[in-house]
Amino acid sequence: METDWVKIYSTRQSYEAALIQGMLKEHGIESVILNRQDSEFLVGEIHLYVHQTEAQKARQLIEETREE
């Protein structure tokens, strides 16, 4: 992955990463999901990355969503 992308969120639930990615897309923020889970045992995490120029806004949106 290019160096101008930063990890903003980690989870063990693929649906959670997909929901957050969708919410970010609705706000015009491009994101990438990198699944680091073992496919058989589901050990590991799923990481969500955004371009570093959008990281602060993305983190704020995630925080606001969690407060609701």
C-alpha atoms as a PDB file:
ATOM      1  CA  MET A   1       0.000   0.000   0.000  1.00  0.00           C
ATOM      2  CA  GLU A   2       1.200   3.475  -0.777  1.00  0.00           C
ATOM      3  CA  THR A   3       2.719   5.429   2.085  1.00  0.00           C
ATOM      4  CA  ASP A   4       0.112   8.195   2.018  1.00  0.00           C
ATOM      5  CA  TRP A   5      -2.607   5.870   3.382  1.00  0.00           C
ATOM      6  CA  VAL A   6      -3.099   5.493   7.134  1.00  0.00           C
ATOM      7  CA  LYS A   7      -4.949   2.950   9.244  1.00  0.00           C
ATOM      8  CA  ILE A   8      -7.866   4.563  11.021  1.00  0.00           C
ATOM      9  CA  TYR A   9      -9.839   1.603  12.301  1.00  0.00           C
ATOM     10  CA  SER A  10      -9.433  -2.065  13.223  1.00  0.00           C
ATOM     11  CA  THR A  11     -12.040  -4.702  13.987  1.00  0.00           C
ATOM     12  CA  ARG A  12     -12.542  -8.449  13.976  1.00  0.00           C
ATOM     13  CA  GLN A  13     -15.973  -8.147  12.358  1.00  0.00           C
ATOM     14  CA  SER A  14     -16.064  -7.832   8.561  1.00  0.00           C
ATOM     15  CA  TYR A  15     -19.595  -6.393   8.603  1.00  0.00           C
ATOM     16  CA  GLU A  16     -18.442  -3.594  10.926  1.00  0.00           C
ATOM     17  CA  ALA A  17     -15.610  -2.631   8.574  1.00  0.00           C
ATOM     18  CA  ALA A  18     -18.021  -2.677   5.620  1.00  0.00           C
ATOM     19  CA  LEU A  19     -20.552  -0.470   7.442  1.00  0.00           C
ATOM     20  CA  ILE A  20     -17.889   2.083   8.333  1.00  0.00           C
ATOM     21  CA  GLN A  21     -16.524   2.012   4.798  1.00  0.00           C
ATOM     22  CA  GLY A  22     -20.020   2.706   3.470  1.00  0.00           C
ATOM     23  CA  MET A  23     -20.531   5.586   5.879  1.00  0.00           C
ATOM     24  CA  LEU A  24     -17.191   7.114   4.853  1.00  0.00           C
ATOM     25  CA  LYS A  25     -18.115   6.751   1.177  1.00  0.00           C
ATOM     26  CA  GLU A  26     -21.384   8.622   1.823  1.00  0.00           C
ATOM     27  CA  HIS A  27     -19.229  11.491   3.105  1.00  0.00           C
ATOM     28  CA  GLY A  28     -16.931  11.415   0.076  1.00  0.00           C
ATOM     29  CA  ILE A  29     -14.028   9.638   1.772  1.00  0.00           C
ATOM     30  CA  GLU A  30     -12.358   6.841  -0.177  1.00  0.00           C
ATOM     31  CA  SER A  31     -11.227   3.916   1.963  1.00  0.00           C
ATOM     32  CA  VAL A  32      -9.646   0.502   1.600  1.00  0.00           C
ATOM     33  CA  ILE A  33     -10.283  -2.593   3.700  1.00  0.00           C
ATOM     34  CA  LEU A  34      -7.315  -4.843   4.328  1.00  0.00           C
ATOM     35  CA  ASN A  35      -8.412  -8.182   5.764  1.00  0.00           C
ATOM     36  CA  ARG A  36      -5.636  -9.697   7.882  1.00  0.00           C
ATOM     37  CA  GLN A  37      -7.788 -12.513   9.246  1.00  0.00           C
ATOM     38  CA  ASP A  38      -6.932 -16.150   8.702  1.00  0.00           C
ATOM     39  CA  SER A  39      -9.642 -17.445   6.372  1.00  0.00           C
ATOM     40  CA  GLU A  40     -10.212 -20.700   8.246  1.00  0.00           C
ATOM     41  CA  PHE A  41      -9.958 -19.682  11.902  1.00  0.00           C
ATOM     42  CA  LEU A  42     -10.849 -15.960  11.623  1.00  0.00           C
ATOM     43  CA  VAL A  43      -7.912 -14.999  13.811  1.00  0.00           C
ATOM     44  CA  GLY A  44      -6.562 -11.511  13.249  1.00  0.00           C
ATOM     45  CA  GLU A  45      -8.040  -8.151  12.408  1.00  0.00           C
ATOM     46  CA  ILE A  46      -9.520  -6.222   9.540  1.00  0.00           C
ATOM     47  CA  HIS A  47      -7.996  -2.779   8.994  1.00  0.00           C
ATOM     48  CA  LEU A  48      -9.584   0.241   7.353  1.00  0.00           C
ATOM     49  CA  TYR A  49      -7.286   2.728   5.612  1.00  0.00           C
ATOM     50  CA  VAL A  50      -7.908   6.215   4.238  1.00  0.00           C
ATOM     51  CA  HIS A  51      -5.702   8.763   2.548  1.00  0.00           C
ATOM     52  CA  GLN A  52      -3.796  10.690   5.196  1.00  0.00           C
ATOM     53  CA  THR A  53      -5.405  13.984   4.141  1.00  0.00           C
ATOM     54  CA  GLU A  54      -8.812  12.513   5.073  1.00  0.00           C
ATOM     55  CA  ALA A  55      -7.759  10.694   8.272  1.00  0.00           C
ATOM     56  CA  GLN A  56      -8.831  13.341  10.788  1.00  0.00           C
ATOM     57  CA  LYS A  57     -12.247  13.796   9.176  1.00  0.00           C
ATOM     58  CA  ALA A  58     -12.751  10.015   8.941  1.00  0.00           C
ATOM     59  CA  ARG A  59     -11.858   9.466  12.597  1.00  0.00           C
ATOM     60  CA  GLN A  60     -14.244  12.237  13.615  1.00  0.00           C
ATOM     61  CA  LEU A  61     -17.080  10.687  11.598  1.00  0.00           C
ATOM     62  CA  ILE A  62     -16.432   7.277  13.149  1.00  0.00           C
ATOM     63  CA  GLU A  63     -16.433   8.787  16.633  1.00  0.00           C
ATOM     64  CA  GLU A  64     -19.691  10.648  15.981  1.00  0.00           C
ATOM     65  CA  THR A  65     -21.299   7.460  14.685  1.00  0.00           C
ATOM     66  CA  ARG A  66     -20.274   5.524  17.797  1.00  0.00           C
ATOM     67  CA  GLU A  67     -21.812   8.179  20.056  1.00  0.00           C
ATOM     68  CA  GLU A  68     -25.269   7.803  18.484  1.00  0.00           C
END
